[in-house]
């Protein structure tokens, strides 16, 4: 059981790194939007590349925020079946949900996202707008990367659920919003 603890802690670190990267991308996006607003309304100038960078950064925030949300239990769930239940019940639900939905869904996204990225790279895809960003495959590569981290977060849900079932952890500890209320 000791290896599950080490694996769980390692997976938690990976999810935290994703959360940190999403946070940094959000701050960069904030500065980017501020720059766009100032240049547009004060200097009457528009940069297509900077506008495209906004949605590139937003994509990073969203795609790398998902693994962090999964790990920290910040995702949406049907609380009618979950809230007020025992930790054992929650662990079984999380275990089943991760194995039946999260990990297979991540594998599906990784498969299609990888081919989507490779096609973009092979075509040398870039922005269709003059002054837009080149190398569109870079942002598209975040899709399969995110799928990998979603799968690791799903595996983290499994390892944490196993620790709860073994009595080592509780969903009222670090992983639950109920513990914060």
N, C-alpha and C. Protein backbone atom coordinates (compact mmCIF):
# COMPACT_ATOMS: atom_id res chain seq x y z
N UNK A 1 0.81 -1.19 0.00
CA UNK A 1 0.00 0.00 0.00
C UNK A 1 0.86 1.26 0.00
N UNK A 2 2.11 1.11 0.39
CA UNK A 2 3.02 2.27 0.44
C UNK A 2 3.26 2.84 -0.95
N UNK A 3 3.28 1.98 -1.97
CA UNK A 3 3.52 2.45 -3.33
C UNK A 3 2.35 3.30 -3.82
N UNK A 4 1.14 3.00 -3.33
CA UNK A 4 -0.02 3.81 -3.73
C UNK A 4 0.11 5.22 -3.17
N UNK A 5 0.62 5.33 -1.96
CA UNK A 5 0.81 6.65 -1.35
C UNK A 5 1.82 7.45 -2.16
N UNK A 6 2.93 6.82 -2.54
CA UNK A 6 3.95 7.52 -3.35
C UNK A 6 3.39 7.91 -4.72
N UNK A 7 2.68 6.98 -5.34
CA UNK A 7 2.08 7.27 -6.65
C UNK A 7 1.06 8.39 -6.53
N UNK A 8 0.21 8.33 -5.52
CA UNK A 8 -0.81 9.36 -5.30
C UNK A 8 -0.17 10.72 -5.10
N UNK A 9 0.87 10.78 -4.30
CA UNK A 9 1.56 12.06 -4.06
C UNK A 9 2.21 12.59 -5.33
N UNK A 10 2.81 11.71 -6.12
CA UNK A 10 3.41 12.12 -7.39
C UNK A 10 2.38 12.64 -8.37
N UNK A 11 1.23 11.96 -8.45
CA UNK A 11 0.16 12.40 -9.34
C UNK A 11 -0.42 13.74 -8.88
N UNK A 12 -0.48 13.93 -7.56
CA UNK A 12 -0.96 15.21 -7.03
C UNK A 12 0.00 16.34 -7.42
N UNK A 13 1.30 16.06 -7.39
CA UNK A 13 2.28 17.08 -7.80
C UNK A 13 2.11 17.44 -9.27
N UNK A 14 1.88 16.43 -10.13
CA UNK A 14 1.65 16.71 -11.55
C UNK A 14 0.42 17.61 -11.74
N UNK A 15 -0.64 17.31 -11.04
CA UNK A 15 -1.86 18.13 -11.14
C UNK A 15 -1.61 19.54 -10.63
N UNK A 16 -0.83 19.66 -9.57
CA UNK A 16 -0.50 20.99 -9.05
C UNK A 16 0.33 21.79 -10.04
N UNK A 17 1.22 21.12 -10.75
CA UNK A 17 2.02 21.80 -11.79
C UNK A 17 1.09 22.32 -12.89
N UNK A 18 0.11 21.49 -13.28
CA UNK A 18 -0.87 21.94 -14.28
C UNK A 18 -1.62 23.16 -13.78
N UNK A 19 -2.02 23.15 -12.52
CA UNK A 19 -2.72 24.29 -11.94
C UNK A 19 -1.85 25.54 -11.92
N UNK A 20 -0.57 25.36 -11.62
CA UNK A 20 0.35 26.48 -11.59
C UNK A 20 0.52 27.07 -13.00
N UNK A 21 0.68 26.20 -13.99
CA UNK A 21 0.83 26.67 -15.38
C UNK A 21 -0.44 27.40 -15.82
N UNK A 22 -1.61 26.86 -15.49
CA UNK A 22 -2.87 27.51 -15.84
C UNK A 22 -2.97 28.88 -15.18
N UNK A 23 -2.52 28.97 -13.94
CA UNK A 23 -2.55 30.25 -13.22
C UNK A 23 -1.63 31.28 -13.89
N UNK A 24 -0.44 30.87 -14.26
CA UNK A 24 0.50 31.76 -14.94
C UNK A 24 -0.08 32.20 -16.29
N UNK A 25 -0.68 31.25 -17.02
CA UNK A 25 -1.29 31.60 -18.32
C UNK A 25 -2.44 32.59 -18.14
N UNK A 26 -3.19 32.44 -17.06
CA UNK A 26 -4.28 33.38 -16.79
C UNK A 26 -3.75 34.78 -16.52
N UNK A 27 -2.67 34.88 -15.77
CA UNK A 27 -2.07 36.19 -15.49
C UNK A 27 -1.52 36.80 -16.78
N UNK A 28 -0.86 35.98 -17.60
CA UNK A 28 -0.37 36.47 -18.89
C UNK A 28 -1.52 36.92 -19.77
N UNK A 29 -2.62 36.18 -19.75
CA UNK A 29 -3.79 36.55 -20.54
C UNK A 29 -4.36 37.89 -20.05
N UNK A 30 -4.35 38.10 -18.76
CA UNK A 30 -4.83 39.36 -18.19
C UNK A 30 -4.00 40.53 -18.74
N UNK A 31 -2.68 40.39 -18.72
CA UNK A 31 -1.81 41.44 -19.26
C UNK A 31 -2.02 41.61 -20.76
N UNK A 32 -2.22 40.51 -21.46
CA UNK A 32 -2.44 40.57 -22.90
C UNK A 32 -3.72 41.34 -23.22
N UNK A 33 -4.80 41.05 -22.51
CA UNK A 33 -6.07 41.75 -22.74
C UNK A 33 -5.91 43.23 -22.38
N UNK A 34 -5.22 43.51 -21.28
CA UNK A 34 -4.98 44.91 -20.89
C UNK A 34 -4.23 45.65 -22.00
N UNK A 35 -3.19 45.01 -22.54
CA UNK A 35 -2.41 45.59 -23.63
C UNK A 35 -3.31 45.85 -24.85
N UNK A 36 -4.14 44.86 -25.20
CA UNK A 36 -5.02 45.02 -26.36
C UNK A 36 -6.00 46.17 -26.17
N UNK A 37 -6.56 46.29 -25.01
CA UNK A 37 -7.52 47.36 -24.74
C UNK A 37 -6.84 48.72 -24.82
N UNK A 38 -5.68 48.85 -24.20
CA UNK A 38 -4.96 50.13 -24.22
C UNK A 38 -4.56 50.51 -25.64
N UNK A 39 -4.00 49.56 -26.39
CA UNK A 39 -3.57 49.90 -27.75
C UNK A 39 -4.75 50.20 -28.66
N UNK A 40 -5.87 49.54 -28.43
CA UNK A 40 -7.03 49.78 -29.28
C UNK A 40 -7.69 51.12 -28.98
N UNK A 41 -7.94 51.41 -27.72
CA UNK A 41 -8.73 52.59 -27.37
C UNK A 41 -7.90 53.85 -27.11
N UNK A 42 -6.64 53.68 -26.77
CA UNK A 42 -5.80 54.86 -26.53
C UNK A 42 -5.00 55.20 -27.78
N UNK A 43 -4.41 54.19 -28.41
CA UNK A 43 -3.54 54.44 -29.56
C UNK A 43 -4.20 54.12 -30.90
N UNK A 44 -5.45 53.64 -30.87
CA UNK A 44 -6.19 53.29 -32.08
C UNK A 44 -5.40 52.34 -32.98
N UNK A 45 -4.82 51.34 -32.36
CA UNK A 45 -4.00 50.35 -33.07
C UNK A 45 -4.48 48.95 -32.66
N UNK A 46 -4.44 48.02 -33.60
CA UNK A 46 -4.90 46.65 -33.33
C UNK A 46 -3.81 45.68 -33.76
N UNK A 47 -3.54 44.71 -32.90
CA UNK A 47 -2.58 43.66 -33.24
C UNK A 47 -3.33 42.33 -33.31
N UNK A 48 -3.42 41.77 -34.50
CA UNK A 48 -4.10 40.49 -34.70
C UNK A 48 -3.38 39.39 -33.92
N UNK A 49 -2.06 39.43 -33.95
CA UNK A 49 -1.28 38.42 -33.22
C UNK A 49 -1.55 38.43 -31.73
N UNK A 50 -1.67 39.62 -31.15
CA UNK A 50 -1.95 39.71 -29.72
C UNK A 50 -3.38 39.26 -29.42
N UNK A 51 -4.32 39.53 -30.32
CA UNK A 51 -5.69 39.06 -30.12
C UNK A 51 -5.75 37.54 -30.20
N UNK A 52 -5.01 36.96 -31.11
CA UNK A 52 -4.96 35.50 -31.19
C UNK A 52 -4.27 34.90 -29.98
N UNK A 53 -3.28 35.61 -29.45
CA UNK A 53 -2.59 35.12 -28.25
C UNK A 53 -3.55 35.00 -27.08
N UNK A 54 -4.59 35.85 -27.04
CA UNK A 54 -5.59 35.77 -25.97
C UNK A 54 -6.25 34.41 -25.95
N UNK A 55 -6.72 33.95 -27.12
CA UNK A 55 -7.39 32.65 -27.10
C UNK A 55 -6.41 31.50 -26.98
N UNK A 56 -5.18 31.70 -27.37
CA UNK A 56 -4.16 30.67 -27.12
C UNK A 56 -3.94 30.51 -25.62
N UNK A 57 -3.80 31.63 -24.93
CA UNK A 57 -3.61 31.58 -23.48
C UNK A 57 -4.85 31.05 -22.78
N UNK A 58 -6.03 31.45 -23.26
CA UNK A 58 -7.25 30.93 -22.67
C UNK A 58 -7.33 29.41 -22.84
N UNK A 59 -6.90 28.91 -23.97
CA UNK A 59 -6.88 27.46 -24.20
C UNK A 59 -5.99 26.77 -23.18
N UNK A 60 -4.83 27.35 -22.91
CA UNK A 60 -3.93 26.76 -21.91
C UNK A 60 -4.57 26.79 -20.53
N UNK A 61 -5.20 27.90 -20.19
CA UNK A 61 -5.88 28.01 -18.89
C UNK A 61 -6.93 26.92 -18.76
N UNK A 62 -7.75 26.79 -19.76
CA UNK A 62 -8.84 25.82 -19.71
C UNK A 62 -8.32 24.38 -19.73
N UNK A 63 -7.46 24.07 -20.70
CA UNK A 63 -7.02 22.69 -20.87
C UNK A 63 -6.13 22.18 -19.74
N UNK A 64 -5.32 23.05 -19.15
CA UNK A 64 -4.48 22.60 -18.03
C UNK A 64 -5.13 22.86 -16.68
N UNK A 65 -6.23 23.61 -16.69
CA UNK A 65 -6.99 23.78 -15.46
C UNK A 65 -7.86 22.57 -15.15
N UNK A 66 -8.24 21.82 -16.17
CA UNK A 66 -9.09 20.64 -15.97
C UNK A 66 -8.40 19.59 -15.08
N UNK A 67 -7.14 19.20 -15.35
CA UNK A 67 -6.52 18.21 -14.47
C UNK A 67 -6.42 18.69 -13.02
N UNK A 68 -6.16 19.97 -12.84
CA UNK A 68 -6.07 20.51 -11.49
C UNK A 68 -7.45 20.47 -10.81
N UNK A 69 -8.49 20.83 -11.55
CA UNK A 69 -9.84 20.80 -10.99
C UNK A 69 -10.26 19.38 -10.62
N UNK A 70 -9.88 18.42 -11.45
CA UNK A 70 -10.20 17.02 -11.13
C UNK A 70 -9.52 16.59 -9.84
N UNK A 71 -8.27 16.93 -9.70
CA UNK A 71 -7.51 16.50 -8.52
C UNK A 71 -7.99 17.18 -7.25
N UNK A 72 -8.35 18.44 -7.33
CA UNK A 72 -8.74 19.18 -6.13
C UNK A 72 -10.25 19.12 -5.89
N UNK A 73 -10.94 18.28 -6.68
CA UNK A 73 -12.38 18.12 -6.53
C UNK A 73 -13.13 19.41 -6.81
N UNK A 74 -12.61 20.21 -7.71
CA UNK A 74 -13.23 21.47 -8.07
C UNK A 74 -14.11 21.37 -9.30
N UNK A 75 -14.33 20.17 -9.79
CA UNK A 75 -15.13 19.98 -10.99
C UNK A 75 -16.61 19.86 -10.64
N UNK A 76 -17.44 19.93 -11.65
CA UNK A 76 -18.88 19.84 -11.46
C UNK A 76 -19.27 18.37 -11.31
N UNK A 77 -20.14 18.12 -10.37
CA UNK A 77 -20.66 16.76 -10.20
C UNK A 77 -22.11 16.86 -9.76
N UNK A 78 -22.82 15.76 -9.85
CA UNK A 78 -24.20 15.72 -9.40
C UNK A 78 -24.19 15.45 -7.90
N UNK A 79 -24.24 16.53 -7.13
CA UNK A 79 -24.12 16.41 -5.67
C UNK A 79 -25.30 15.72 -5.01
N UNK A 80 -26.42 15.59 -5.72
CA UNK A 80 -27.58 14.92 -5.16
C UNK A 80 -27.23 13.48 -4.77
N UNK A 81 -26.36 12.85 -5.56
CA UNK A 81 -25.95 11.47 -5.28
C UNK A 81 -24.69 11.39 -4.42
N UNK A 82 -24.04 12.49 -4.22
CA UNK A 82 -22.70 12.49 -3.62
C UNK A 82 -22.67 13.15 -2.24
N UNK A 83 -23.31 14.28 -2.11
CA UNK A 83 -23.24 15.07 -0.88
C UNK A 83 -23.94 14.34 0.27
N UNK A 84 -23.30 14.40 1.42
CA UNK A 84 -23.87 13.78 2.61
C UNK A 84 -23.66 12.28 2.69
N UNK A 85 -22.93 11.73 1.77
CA UNK A 85 -22.67 10.28 1.77
C UNK A 85 -21.39 9.98 2.52
N UNK A 86 -21.20 8.72 2.81
CA UNK A 86 -19.99 8.29 3.53
C UNK A 86 -18.78 8.38 2.61
N UNK A 87 -17.61 8.42 3.22
CA UNK A 87 -16.37 8.45 2.44
C UNK A 87 -16.23 7.18 1.59
N UNK A 88 -16.68 6.07 2.11
CA UNK A 88 -16.61 4.81 1.35
C UNK A 88 -17.45 4.92 0.07
N UNK A 89 -18.65 5.45 0.19
CA UNK A 89 -19.52 5.63 -0.97
C UNK A 89 -18.88 6.58 -1.98
N UNK A 90 -18.35 7.71 -1.48
CA UNK A 90 -17.69 8.68 -2.35
C UNK A 90 -16.50 8.07 -3.06
N UNK A 91 -15.74 7.25 -2.34
CA UNK A 91 -14.56 6.60 -2.93
C UNK A 91 -14.98 5.66 -4.05
N UNK A 92 -16.04 4.91 -3.83
CA UNK A 92 -16.52 3.98 -4.86
C UNK A 92 -17.02 4.75 -6.08
N UNK A 93 -17.75 5.83 -5.86
CA UNK A 93 -18.23 6.67 -6.97
C UNK A 93 -17.04 7.26 -7.74
N UNK A 94 -16.06 7.81 -7.02
CA UNK A 94 -14.89 8.40 -7.68
C UNK A 94 -14.08 7.35 -8.42
N UNK A 95 -13.93 6.19 -7.83
CA UNK A 95 -13.19 5.09 -8.46
C UNK A 95 -13.88 4.67 -9.76
N UNK A 96 -15.18 4.45 -9.68
CA UNK A 96 -15.94 4.05 -10.87
C UNK A 96 -15.95 5.15 -11.92
N UNK A 97 -16.14 6.39 -11.48
CA UNK A 97 -16.17 7.51 -12.43
C UNK A 97 -14.84 7.71 -13.14
N UNK A 98 -13.75 7.58 -12.40
CA UNK A 98 -12.43 7.74 -13.02
C UNK A 98 -12.14 6.62 -14.01
N UNK A 99 -12.46 5.39 -13.61
CA UNK A 99 -12.16 4.25 -14.48
C UNK A 99 -13.11 4.14 -15.68
N UNK A 100 -14.37 4.53 -15.49
CA UNK A 100 -15.34 4.38 -16.57
C UNK A 100 -15.44 5.60 -17.48
N UNK A 101 -15.13 6.78 -16.93
CA UNK A 101 -15.35 7.99 -17.71
C UNK A 101 -14.09 8.82 -17.93
N UNK A 102 -13.40 9.21 -16.87
CA UNK A 102 -12.29 10.16 -16.99
C UNK A 102 -11.14 9.59 -17.83
N UNK A 103 -10.65 8.44 -17.46
CA UNK A 103 -9.48 7.89 -18.16
C UNK A 103 -9.81 7.50 -19.61
N UNK A 104 -10.95 6.80 -19.89
CA UNK A 104 -11.27 6.53 -21.31
C UNK A 104 -11.51 7.80 -22.12
N UNK A 105 -12.15 8.80 -21.53
CA UNK A 105 -12.37 10.06 -22.23
C UNK A 105 -11.04 10.74 -22.55
N UNK A 106 -10.11 10.70 -21.61
CA UNK A 106 -8.78 11.27 -21.84
C UNK A 106 -8.06 10.53 -22.96
N UNK A 107 -8.20 9.21 -23.00
CA UNK A 107 -7.57 8.43 -24.08
C UNK A 107 -8.16 8.80 -25.43
N UNK A 108 -9.46 9.01 -25.47
CA UNK A 108 -10.12 9.41 -26.71
C UNK A 108 -9.63 10.78 -27.18
N UNK A 109 -9.56 11.73 -26.26
CA UNK A 109 -9.08 13.07 -26.60
C UNK A 109 -7.61 13.02 -27.03
N UNK A 110 -6.81 12.22 -26.36
CA UNK A 110 -5.40 12.11 -26.71
C UNK A 110 -5.24 11.56 -28.13
N UNK A 111 -6.01 10.55 -28.46
CA UNK A 111 -5.92 9.94 -29.79
C UNK A 111 -6.27 10.93 -30.88
N UNK A 112 -7.42 11.57 -30.74
CA UNK A 112 -7.84 12.52 -31.77
C UNK A 112 -7.02 13.81 -31.71
N UNK A 113 -6.66 14.25 -30.53
CA UNK A 113 -5.87 15.46 -30.40
C UNK A 113 -4.48 15.33 -30.99
N UNK A 114 -3.90 14.13 -30.85
CA UNK A 114 -2.57 13.90 -31.41
C UNK A 114 -2.61 13.98 -32.93
N UNK A 115 -3.58 13.31 -33.55
CA UNK A 115 -3.67 13.36 -35.02
C UNK A 115 -4.01 14.76 -35.50
N UNK A 116 -4.80 15.48 -34.75
CA UNK A 116 -5.15 16.88 -35.05
C UNK A 116 -3.88 17.74 -35.04
N UNK A 117 -3.02 17.51 -34.05
CA UNK A 117 -1.77 18.27 -33.93
C UNK A 117 -0.80 17.92 -35.05
N UNK A 118 -0.65 16.63 -35.32
CA UNK A 118 0.27 16.18 -36.38
C UNK A 118 -0.17 16.72 -37.74
N UNK A 119 -1.47 16.69 -38.00
CA UNK A 119 -1.97 17.23 -39.27
C UNK A 119 -1.66 18.72 -39.38
N UNK A 120 -1.85 19.46 -38.29
CA UNK A 120 -1.55 20.89 -38.29
C UNK A 120 -0.07 21.14 -38.54
N UNK A 121 0.78 20.32 -37.93
CA UNK A 121 2.23 20.46 -38.12
C UNK A 121 2.61 20.15 -39.57
N UNK A 122 2.09 19.05 -40.10
CA UNK A 122 2.42 18.65 -41.47
C UNK A 122 1.95 19.66 -42.51
N UNK A 123 0.83 20.33 -42.23
CA UNK A 123 0.33 21.34 -43.16
C UNK A 123 1.03 22.68 -42.99
N UNK A 124 1.80 22.83 -41.90
CA UNK A 124 2.43 24.12 -41.62
C UNK A 124 1.38 25.17 -41.32
N UNK A 125 0.32 24.75 -40.64
CA UNK A 125 -0.82 25.63 -40.39
C UNK A 125 -0.42 26.85 -39.58
N UNK A 126 -0.93 27.97 -40.02
CA UNK A 126 -0.74 29.22 -39.28
C UNK A 126 -2.04 30.00 -39.37
N UNK A 127 -2.06 31.15 -38.79
CA UNK A 127 -3.25 31.98 -38.81
C UNK A 127 -3.61 32.37 -40.24
N UNK A 128 -4.91 32.42 -40.48
CA UNK A 128 -5.37 32.85 -41.80
C UNK A 128 -5.40 34.36 -41.94
N UNK A 129 -5.22 35.05 -40.81
CA UNK A 129 -5.26 36.52 -40.83
C UNK A 129 -3.86 37.10 -41.00
N UNK A 130 -3.75 38.19 -41.76
CA UNK A 130 -2.45 38.84 -41.86
C UNK A 130 -2.04 39.40 -40.49
N UNK A 131 -0.81 39.12 -40.12
CA UNK A 131 -0.34 39.57 -38.81
C UNK A 131 -0.68 38.60 -37.70
N UNK A 132 -1.29 37.47 -38.06
CA UNK A 132 -1.66 36.46 -37.07
C UNK A 132 -0.46 35.60 -36.69
N UNK A 133 -0.68 34.71 -35.76
CA UNK A 133 0.40 33.88 -35.23
C UNK A 133 0.70 32.69 -36.13
N UNK A 134 1.97 32.39 -36.33
CA UNK A 134 2.35 31.20 -37.09
C UNK A 134 2.35 29.97 -36.16
N UNK A 135 2.63 28.82 -36.72
CA UNK A 135 2.83 27.58 -35.95
C UNK A 135 1.63 27.24 -35.08
N UNK A 136 0.48 27.14 -35.68
CA UNK A 136 -0.73 26.84 -34.93
C UNK A 136 -0.66 25.47 -34.26
N UNK A 137 0.22 24.59 -34.74
CA UNK A 137 0.35 23.26 -34.14
C UNK A 137 0.80 23.34 -32.69
N UNK A 138 1.47 24.43 -32.32
CA UNK A 138 1.94 24.54 -30.93
C UNK A 138 0.76 24.58 -29.97
N UNK A 139 -0.23 25.42 -30.26
CA UNK A 139 -1.37 25.50 -29.35
C UNK A 139 -2.22 24.23 -29.46
N UNK A 140 -2.28 23.64 -30.65
CA UNK A 140 -3.05 22.41 -30.79
C UNK A 140 -2.39 21.24 -30.05
N UNK A 141 -1.08 21.32 -29.84
CA UNK A 141 -0.39 20.25 -29.11
C UNK A 141 -0.76 20.24 -27.63
N UNK A 142 -1.36 21.32 -27.15
CA UNK A 142 -1.79 21.36 -25.75
C UNK A 142 -2.98 20.41 -25.54
N UNK A 143 -3.72 20.09 -26.60
CA UNK A 143 -4.88 19.20 -26.47
C UNK A 143 -4.44 17.79 -26.04
N UNK A 144 -3.55 17.11 -26.77
CA UNK A 144 -3.13 15.79 -26.28
C UNK A 144 -2.33 15.87 -24.98
N UNK A 145 -1.60 16.95 -24.77
CA UNK A 145 -0.86 17.12 -23.52
C UNK A 145 -1.85 17.20 -22.35
N UNK A 146 -2.90 17.97 -22.54
CA UNK A 146 -3.94 18.07 -21.52
C UNK A 146 -4.61 16.72 -21.28
N UNK A 147 -4.84 15.97 -22.34
CA UNK A 147 -5.46 14.64 -22.19
C UNK A 147 -4.57 13.73 -21.35
N UNK A 148 -3.27 13.82 -21.55
CA UNK A 148 -2.35 13.03 -20.72
C UNK A 148 -2.49 13.41 -19.24
N UNK A 149 -2.52 14.71 -18.97
CA UNK A 149 -2.64 15.16 -17.58
C UNK A 149 -4.02 14.88 -16.99
N UNK A 150 -5.06 14.89 -17.83
CA UNK A 150 -6.39 14.50 -17.36
C UNK A 150 -6.37 13.03 -16.97
N UNK A 151 -5.70 12.20 -17.77
CA UNK A 151 -5.59 10.78 -17.43
C UNK A 151 -4.82 10.58 -16.14
N UNK A 152 -3.74 11.35 -15.95
CA UNK A 152 -2.99 11.21 -14.69
C UNK A 152 -3.82 11.69 -13.51
N UNK A 153 -4.65 12.71 -13.71
CA UNK A 153 -5.54 13.15 -12.64
C UNK A 153 -6.61 12.10 -12.36
N UNK A 154 -7.09 11.45 -13.42
CA UNK A 154 -8.03 10.35 -13.24
C UNK A 154 -7.40 9.21 -12.46
N UNK A 155 -6.15 8.91 -12.78
CA UNK A 155 -5.42 7.89 -12.03
C UNK A 155 -5.22 8.36 -10.59
N UNK A 156 -5.01 9.65 -10.40
CA UNK A 156 -4.91 10.21 -9.05
C UNK A 156 -6.21 10.08 -8.28
N UNK A 157 -7.34 10.21 -8.99
CA UNK A 157 -8.63 9.99 -8.34
C UNK A 157 -8.74 8.54 -7.87
N UNK A 158 -8.22 7.63 -8.69
CA UNK A 158 -8.25 6.21 -8.34
C UNK A 158 -7.37 5.94 -7.11
N UNK A 159 -6.15 6.44 -7.14
CA UNK A 159 -5.24 6.18 -6.01
C UNK A 159 -5.76 6.81 -4.72
N UNK A 160 -6.33 8.00 -4.83
CA UNK A 160 -6.88 8.65 -3.63
C UNK A 160 -8.08 7.86 -3.11
N UNK A 161 -8.93 7.40 -4.02
CA UNK A 161 -10.10 6.60 -3.61
C UNK A 161 -9.64 5.31 -2.92
N UNK A 162 -8.59 4.69 -3.43
CA UNK A 162 -8.06 3.48 -2.79
C UNK A 162 -7.53 3.79 -1.39
N UNK A 163 -6.92 4.94 -1.24
CA UNK A 163 -6.43 5.35 0.09
C UNK A 163 -7.59 5.62 1.05
N UNK A 164 -8.68 6.18 0.52
CA UNK A 164 -9.87 6.41 1.35
C UNK A 164 -10.48 5.07 1.75
N UNK A 165 -10.58 4.15 0.79
CA UNK A 165 -11.14 2.83 1.10
C UNK A 165 -10.29 2.07 2.11
N UNK A 166 -8.98 2.33 2.09
CA UNK A 166 -8.08 1.68 3.05
C UNK A 166 -8.11 2.39 4.41
N UNK A 167 -8.78 3.53 4.48
CA UNK A 167 -8.88 4.26 5.75
C UNK A 167 -7.74 5.21 6.02
N UNK A 168 -6.87 5.43 5.04
CA UNK A 168 -5.72 6.33 5.22
C UNK A 168 -6.08 7.80 5.01
N UNK A 169 -7.08 8.05 4.19
CA UNK A 169 -7.46 9.42 3.84
C UNK A 169 -8.96 9.59 4.00
N UNK A 170 -9.38 10.84 3.91
CA UNK A 170 -10.80 11.16 4.00
C UNK A 170 -11.10 12.24 2.98
N UNK A 171 -12.31 12.22 2.44
CA UNK A 171 -12.70 13.27 1.51
C UNK A 171 -13.02 14.57 2.23
N UNK A 172 -12.98 14.56 3.53
CA UNK A 172 -13.17 15.80 4.29
C UNK A 172 -11.85 16.48 4.57
N UNK A 173 -10.77 15.91 4.06
CA UNK A 173 -9.45 16.50 4.24
C UNK A 173 -9.19 17.52 3.15
N UNK A 174 -8.07 17.38 2.47
CA UNK A 174 -7.63 18.33 1.46
C UNK A 174 -8.45 18.27 0.18
N UNK A 175 -9.10 17.17 -0.12
CA UNK A 175 -9.71 16.98 -1.43
C UNK A 175 -11.17 17.35 -1.51
N UNK A 176 -11.73 17.95 -0.50
CA UNK A 176 -13.16 18.19 -0.52
C UNK A 176 -13.51 19.62 -0.17
N UNK A 177 -14.49 20.14 -0.86
CA UNK A 177 -14.98 21.48 -0.53
C UNK A 177 -15.75 21.44 0.78
N UNK A 178 -16.28 20.27 1.14
CA UNK A 178 -16.99 20.15 2.41
C UNK A 178 -16.07 20.46 3.57
N UNK A 179 -14.79 20.10 3.43
CA UNK A 179 -13.82 20.37 4.48
C UNK A 179 -13.55 21.86 4.62
N UNK A 180 -13.82 22.62 3.57
CA UNK A 180 -13.58 24.06 3.60
C UNK A 180 -14.78 24.81 4.16
N UNK A 181 -15.95 24.18 4.13
CA UNK A 181 -17.18 24.88 4.57
C UNK A 181 -17.28 24.97 6.07
